[in-house]
PDB file of all heavy atoms in Angstrom:
ATOM      1  N   GLN A   1      -2.747  18.281   0.105  1.00  0.00           N
ATOM      2  CA  GLN A   1      -3.774  17.359  -0.376  1.00  0.00           C
ATOM      3  C   GLN A   1      -3.129  16.194  -1.135  1.00  0.00           C
ATOM      4  O   GLN A   1      -3.525  15.032  -0.974  1.00  0.00           O
ATOM      5  CB  GLN A   1      -4.760  18.103  -1.276  1.00  0.00           C
ATOM      6  CG  GLN A   1      -5.633  19.111  -0.524  1.00  0.00           C
ATOM      7  CD  GLN A   1      -6.465  19.968  -1.456  1.00  0.00           C
ATOM      8  OE1 GLN A   1      -6.269  19.973  -2.675  1.00  0.00           O
ATOM      9  NE2 GLN A   1      -7.407  20.703  -0.902  1.00  0.00           N
ATOM     10  N   ALA A   2      -2.131  16.520  -1.964  1.00  0.00           N
ATOM     11  CA  ALA A   2      -1.440  15.470  -2.711  1.00  0.00           C
ATOM     12  C   ALA A   2      -0.669  14.549  -1.768  1.00  0.00           C
ATOM     13  O   ALA A   2      -0.627  13.329  -1.973  1.00  0.00           O
ATOM     14  CB  ALA A   2      -0.493  16.096  -3.736  1.00  0.00           C
ATOM     15  N   VAL A   3      -0.060  15.108  -0.733  1.00  0.00           N
ATOM     16  CA  VAL A   3       0.683  14.304   0.241  1.00  0.00           C
ATOM     17  C   VAL A   3      -0.259  13.349   0.973  1.00  0.00           C
ATOM     18  O   VAL A   3       0.060  12.169   1.186  1.00  0.00           O
ATOM     19  CB  VAL A   3       1.423  15.210   1.240  1.00  0.00           C
ATOM     20  CG1 VAL A   3       1.955  14.393   2.422  1.00  0.00           C
ATOM     21  CG2 VAL A   3       2.583  15.929   0.558  1.00  0.00           C
ATOM     22  N   ASP A   4      -1.436  13.847   1.352  1.00  0.00           N
ATOM     23  CA  ASP A   4      -2.408  12.992   2.032  1.00  0.00           C
ATOM     24  C   ASP A   4      -2.847  11.837   1.120  1.00  0.00           C
ATOM     25  O   ASP A   4      -3.019  10.699   1.576  1.00  0.00           O
ATOM     26  CB  ASP A   4      -3.626  13.814   2.455  1.00  0.00           C
ATOM     27  CG  ASP A   4      -3.290  14.825   3.542  1.00  0.00           C
ATOM     28  OD1 ASP A   4      -2.263  14.632   4.228  1.00  0.00           O
ATOM     29  OD2 ASP A   4      -4.033  15.815   3.697  1.00  0.00           O
ATOM     30  N   GLU A   5      -3.013  12.149  -0.157  1.00  0.00           N
ATOM     31  CA  GLU A   5      -3.368  11.097  -1.118  1.00  0.00           C
ATOM     32  C   GLU A   5      -2.214  10.104  -1.266  1.00  0.00           C
ATOM     33  O   GLU A   5      -2.433   8.889  -1.370  1.00  0.00           O
ATOM     34  CB  GLU A   5      -3.691  11.729  -2.468  1.00  0.00           C
ATOM     35  CG  GLU A   5      -4.179  10.735  -3.513  1.00  0.00           C
ATOM     36  CD  GLU A   5      -4.577  11.400  -4.810  1.00  0.00           C
ATOM     37  OE1 GLU A   5      -4.693  12.646  -4.832  1.00  0.00           O
ATOM     38  OE2 GLU A   5      -4.775  10.680  -5.809  1.00  0.00           O
ATOM     39  N   TYR A   6      -0.988  10.609  -1.248  1.00  0.00           N
ATOM     40  CA  TYR A   6       0.198   9.755  -1.365  1.00  0.00           C
ATOM     41  C   TYR A   6       0.278   8.791  -0.181  1.00  0.00           C
ATOM     42  O   TYR A   6       0.665   7.626  -0.339  1.00  0.00           O
ATOM     43  CB  TYR A   6       1.446  10.632  -1.429  1.00  0.00           C
ATOM     44  CG  TYR A   6       2.700   9.916  -1.868  1.00  0.00           C
ATOM     45  CD1 TYR A   6       2.995   9.744  -3.216  1.00  0.00           C
ATOM     46  CD2 TYR A   6       3.600   9.402  -0.938  1.00  0.00           C
ATOM     47  CE1 TYR A   6       4.150   9.085  -3.624  1.00  0.00           C
ATOM     48  CE2 TYR A   6       4.755   8.739  -1.341  1.00  0.00           C
ATOM     49  CZ  TYR A   6       5.014   8.595  -2.682  1.00  0.00           C
ATOM     50  OH  TYR A   6       6.156   7.936  -3.075  1.00  0.00           O
ATOM     51  N   LYS A   7      -0.088   9.268   1.004  1.00  0.00           N
ATOM     52  CA  LYS A   7      -0.072   8.416   2.191  1.00  0.00           C
ATOM     53  C   LYS A   7      -1.037   7.234   2.028  1.00  0.00           C
ATOM     54  O   LYS A   7      -0.727   6.095   2.406  1.00  0.00           O
ATOM     55  CB  LYS A   7      -0.444   9.227   3.426  1.00  0.00           C
ATOM     56  CG  LYS A   7       0.593  10.253   3.844  1.00  0.00           C
ATOM     57  CD  LYS A   7       0.103  11.052   5.042  1.00  0.00           C
ATOM     58  CE  LYS A   7       1.121  12.112   5.456  1.00  0.00           C
ATOM     59  NZ  LYS A   7       0.645  12.935   6.582  1.00  0.00           N
ATOM     60  N   LYS A   8      -2.198   7.498   1.457  1.00  0.00           N
ATOM     61  CA  LYS A   8      -3.166   6.431   1.228  1.00  0.00           C
ATOM     62  C   LYS A   8      -2.611   5.406   0.234  1.00  0.00           C
ATOM     63  O   LYS A   8      -2.807   4.194   0.390  1.00  0.00           O
ATOM     64  CB  LYS A   8      -4.475   7.009   0.711  1.00  0.00           C
ATOM     65  CG  LYS A   8      -5.202   7.902   1.716  1.00  0.00           C
ATOM     66  CD  LYS A   8      -6.481   8.473   1.114  1.00  0.00           C
ATOM     67  CE  LYS A   8      -7.189   9.391   2.118  1.00  0.00           C
ATOM     68  NZ  LYS A   8      -8.419   9.977   1.546  1.00  0.00           N
ATOM     69  N   LEU A   9      -1.914   5.910  -0.780  1.00  0.00           N
ATOM     70  CA  LEU A   9      -1.319   5.010  -1.767  1.00  0.00           C
ATOM     71  C   LEU A   9      -0.219   4.156  -1.138  1.00  0.00           C
ATOM     72  O   LEU A   9      -0.050   2.985  -1.500  1.00  0.00           O
ATOM     73  CB  LEU A   9      -0.750   5.826  -2.933  1.00  0.00           C
ATOM     74  CG  LEU A   9      -1.789   6.572  -3.782  1.00  0.00           C
ATOM     75  CD1 LEU A   9      -1.099   7.455  -4.811  1.00  0.00           C
ATOM     76  CD2 LEU A   9      -2.725   5.590  -4.478  1.00  0.00           C
ATOM     77  N   ILE A  10       0.516   4.730  -0.193  1.00  0.00           N
ATOM     78  CA  ILE A  10       1.538   3.948   0.517  1.00  0.00           C
ATOM     79  C   ILE A  10       0.883   2.825   1.315  1.00  0.00           C
ATOM     80  O   ILE A  10       1.363   1.687   1.335  1.00  0.00           O
ATOM     81  CB  ILE A  10       2.368   4.858   1.441  1.00  0.00           C
ATOM     82  CG1 ILE A  10       3.275   5.771   0.615  1.00  0.00           C
ATOM     83  CG2 ILE A  10       3.228   4.024   2.395  1.00  0.00           C
ATOM     84  CD1 ILE A  10       4.101   6.725   1.448  1.00  0.00           C
ATOM     85  N   ALA A  11      -0.230   3.152   1.964  1.00  0.00           N
ATOM     86  CA  ALA A  11      -0.945   2.128   2.732  1.00  0.00           C
ATOM     87  C   ALA A  11      -1.419   1.003   1.810  1.00  0.00           C
ATOM     88  O   ALA A  11      -1.320  -0.186   2.149  1.00  0.00           O
ATOM     89  CB  ALA A  11      -2.126   2.754   3.467  1.00  0.00           C
ATOM     90  N   GLN A  12      -1.930   1.374   0.628  1.00  0.00           N
ATOM     91  CA  GLN A  12      -2.363   0.361  -0.329  1.00  0.00           C
ATOM     92  C   GLN A  12      -1.179  -0.477  -0.812  1.00  0.00           C
ATOM     93  O   GLN A  12      -1.291  -1.701  -0.975  1.00  0.00           O
ATOM     94  CB  GLN A  12      -3.042   1.030  -1.519  1.00  0.00           C
ATOM     95  CG  GLN A  12      -4.355   1.719  -1.173  1.00  0.00           C
ATOM     96  CD  GLN A  12      -4.972   2.414  -2.375  1.00  0.00           C
ATOM     97  OE1 GLN A  12      -4.727   2.050  -3.512  1.00  0.00           O
ATOM     98  NE2 GLN A  12      -5.765   3.432  -2.122  1.00  0.00           N
ATOM     99  N   THR A  13      -0.049   0.188  -1.031  1.00  0.00           N
ATOM    100  CA  THR A  13       1.159  -0.526  -1.461  1.00  0.00           C
ATOM    101  C   THR A  13       1.579  -1.547  -0.409  1.00  0.00           C
ATOM    102  O   THR A  13       1.900  -2.702  -0.731  1.00  0.00           O
ATOM    103  CB  THR A  13       2.305   0.470  -1.702  1.00  0.00           C
ATOM    104  OG1 THR A  13       1.930   1.407  -2.720  1.00  0.00           O
ATOM    105  CG2 THR A  13       3.570  -0.250  -2.133  1.00  0.00           C
ATOM    106  N   THR A  14       1.553  -1.133   0.840  1.00  0.00           N
ATOM    107  CA  THR A  14       1.927  -2.034   1.934  1.00  0.00           C
ATOM    108  C   THR A  14       0.994  -3.237   2.001  1.00  0.00           C
ATOM    109  O   THR A  14       1.437  -4.383   2.189  1.00  0.00           O
ATOM    110  CB  THR A  14       1.908  -1.281   3.266  1.00  0.00           C
ATOM    111  OG1 THR A  14       2.758  -0.126   3.174  1.00  0.00           O
ATOM    112  CG2 THR A  14       2.390  -2.156   4.397  1.00  0.00           C
ATOM    113  N   ASP A  15      -0.312  -2.969   1.833  1.00  0.00           N
ATOM    114  CA  ASP A  15      -1.284  -4.072   1.862  1.00  0.00           C
ATOM    115  C   ASP A  15      -1.040  -5.063   0.712  1.00  0.00           C
ATOM    116  O   ASP A  15      -1.101  -6.283   0.907  1.00  0.00           O
ATOM    117  CB  ASP A  15      -2.706  -3.512   1.770  1.00  0.00           C
ATOM    118  CG  ASP A  15      -3.116  -2.766   3.038  1.00  0.00           C
ATOM    119  OD1 ASP A  15      -2.473  -3.008   4.079  1.00  0.00           O
ATOM    120  OD2 ASP A  15      -4.061  -1.966   2.977  1.00  0.00           O
ATOM    121  N   MET A  16      -0.763  -4.522  -0.463  1.00  0.00           N
ATOM    122  CA  MET A  16      -0.540  -5.391  -1.625  1.00  0.00           C
ATOM    123  C   MET A  16       0.709  -6.242  -1.460  1.00  0.00           C
ATOM    124  O   MET A  16       0.718  -7.435  -1.790  1.00  0.00           O
ATOM    125  CB  MET A  16      -0.428  -4.547  -2.898  1.00  0.00           C
ATOM    126  CG  MET A  16      -1.739  -3.984  -3.380  1.00  0.00           C
ATOM    127  SD  MET A  16      -1.580  -3.113  -4.947  1.00  0.00           S
ATOM    128  CE  MET A  16      -3.282  -2.587  -5.208  1.00  0.00           C
ATOM    129  N   ILE A  17       1.754  -5.637  -0.930  1.00  0.00           N
ATOM    130  CA  ILE A  17       2.981  -6.403  -0.702  1.00  0.00           C
ATOM    131  C   ILE A  17       2.741  -7.494   0.347  1.00  0.00           C
ATOM    132  O   ILE A  17       3.253  -8.611   0.242  1.00  0.00           O
ATOM    133  CB  ILE A  17       4.125  -5.464  -0.285  1.00  0.00           C
ATOM    134  CG1 ILE A  17       4.553  -4.609  -1.492  1.00  0.00           C
ATOM    135  CG2 ILE A  17       5.321  -6.235   0.262  1.00  0.00           C
ATOM    136  CD1 ILE A  17       5.625  -3.597  -1.199  1.00  0.00           C
ATOM    137  N   GLY A  18       1.930  -7.168   1.350  1.00  0.00           N
ATOM    138  CA  GLY A  18       1.559  -8.179   2.341  1.00  0.00           C
ATOM    139  C   GLY A  18       0.782  -9.330   1.710  1.00  0.00           C
ATOM    140  O   GLY A  18       1.001 -10.506   2.043  1.00  0.00           O
ATOM    141  N   GLN A  19      -0.127  -9.000   0.779  1.00  0.00           N
ATOM    142  CA  GLN A  19      -0.880 -10.045   0.078  1.00  0.00           C
ATOM    143  C   GLN A  19       0.058 -10.916  -0.765  1.00  0.00           C
ATOM    144  O   GLN A  19      -0.099 -12.142  -0.817  1.00  0.00           O
ATOM    145  CB  GLN A  19      -1.929  -9.394  -0.820  1.00  0.00           C
ATOM    146  CG  GLN A  19      -3.050  -8.697  -0.067  1.00  0.00           C
ATOM    147  CD  GLN A  19      -4.000  -7.963  -0.993  1.00  0.00           C
ATOM    148  OE1 GLN A  19      -4.020  -8.197  -2.195  1.00  0.00           O
ATOM    149  NE2 GLN A  19      -4.780  -7.054  -0.443  1.00  0.00           N
ATOM    150  N   MET A  20       1.024 -10.269  -1.415  1.00  0.00           N
ATOM    151  CA  MET A  20       1.975 -11.030  -2.225  1.00  0.00           C
ATOM    152  C   MET A  20       2.792 -11.990  -1.361  1.00  0.00           C
ATOM    153  O   MET A  20       3.081 -13.125  -1.775  1.00  0.00           O
ATOM    154  CB  MET A  20       2.898 -10.069  -2.984  1.00  0.00           C
ATOM    155  CG  MET A  20       2.176  -9.288  -4.072  1.00  0.00           C
ATOM    156  SD  MET A  20       3.212  -8.038  -4.867  1.00  0.00           S
ATOM    157  CE  MET A  20       4.414  -9.078  -5.718  1.00  0.00           C
ATOM    158  N   ASP A  21       3.151 -11.558  -0.172  1.00  0.00           N
ATOM    159  CA  ASP A  21       3.879 -12.450   0.743  1.00  0.00           C
ATOM    160  C   ASP A  21       3.022 -13.668   1.111  1.00  0.00           C
ATOM    161  O   ASP A  21       3.530 -14.803   1.204  1.00  0.00           O
ATOM    162  CB  ASP A  21       4.277 -11.695   2.009  1.00  0.00           C
ATOM    163  CG  ASP A  21       5.404 -10.698   1.754  1.00  0.00           C
ATOM    164  OD1 ASP A  21       6.129 -10.874   0.754  1.00  0.00           O
ATOM    165  OD2 ASP A  21       5.552  -9.745   2.548  1.00  0.00           O
ATOM    166  N   LYS A  22       1.714 -13.451   1.302  1.00  0.00           N
ATOM    167  CA  LYS A  22       0.819 -14.563   1.622  1.00  0.00           C
ATOM    168  C   LYS A  22       0.707 -15.530   0.436  1.00  0.00           C
ATOM    169  O   LYS A  22       0.690 -16.753   0.619  1.00  0.00           O
ATOM    170  CB  LYS A  22      -0.556 -14.033   1.995  1.00  0.00           C
ATOM    171  CG  LYS A  22      -0.593 -13.285   3.323  1.00  0.00           C
ATOM    172  CD  LYS A  22      -2.000 -12.787   3.632  1.00  0.00           C
ATOM    173  CE  LYS A  22      -2.021 -12.030   4.968  1.00  0.00           C
ATOM    174  NZ  LYS A  22      -3.382 -11.506   5.274  1.00  0.00           N
ATOM    175  N   PHE A  23       0.634 -14.962  -0.762  1.00  0.00           N
ATOM    176  CA  PHE A  23       0.579 -15.822  -1.950  1.00  0.00           C
ATOM    177  C   PHE A  23       1.855 -16.645  -2.093  1.00  0.00           C
ATOM    178  O   PHE A  23       1.803 -17.835  -2.443  1.00  0.00           O
ATOM    179  CB  PHE A  23       0.357 -14.979  -3.207  1.00  0.00           C
ATOM    180  CG  PHE A  23      -1.039 -14.418  -3.330  1.00  0.00           C
ATOM    181  CD1 PHE A  23      -1.248 -13.084  -3.611  1.00  0.00           C
ATOM    182  CD2 PHE A  23      -2.145 -15.244  -3.174  1.00  0.00           C
ATOM    183  CE1 PHE A  23      -2.531 -12.570  -3.728  1.00  0.00           C
ATOM    184  CE2 PHE A  23      -3.440 -14.744  -3.291  1.00  0.00           C
ATOM    185  CZ  PHE A  23      -3.626 -13.399  -3.566  1.00  0.00           C
ATOM    186  N   ARG A  24       2.982 -16.019  -1.809  1.00  0.00           N
ATOM    187  CA  ARG A  24       4.262 -16.756  -1.892  1.00  0.00           C
ATOM    188  C   ARG A  24       4.300 -17.885  -0.856  1.00  0.00           C
ATOM    189  O   ARG A  24       4.751 -18.995  -1.146  1.00  0.00           O
ATOM    190  CB  ARG A  24       5.427 -15.801  -1.669  1.00  0.00           C
ATOM    191  CG  ARG A  24       5.640 -14.803  -2.801  1.00  0.00           C
ATOM    192  CD  ARG A  24       6.952 -14.056  -2.637  1.00  0.00           C
ATOM    193  NE  ARG A  24       7.123 -13.038  -3.651  1.00  0.00           N
ATOM    194  CZ  ARG A  24       6.888 -11.738  -3.476  1.00  0.00           C
ATOM    195  NH1 ARG A  24       6.486 -11.300  -2.290  1.00  0.00           N
ATOM    196  NH2 ARG A  24       7.069 -10.880  -4.458  1.00  0.00           N
TER     197      ARG A  24
END
């Protein structure tokens, strides 16, 4: 269950980094 939650957090991390690249 914790691993599945961690996967979702990784997806959110990837999205945020993508947003930061757009801002840059």
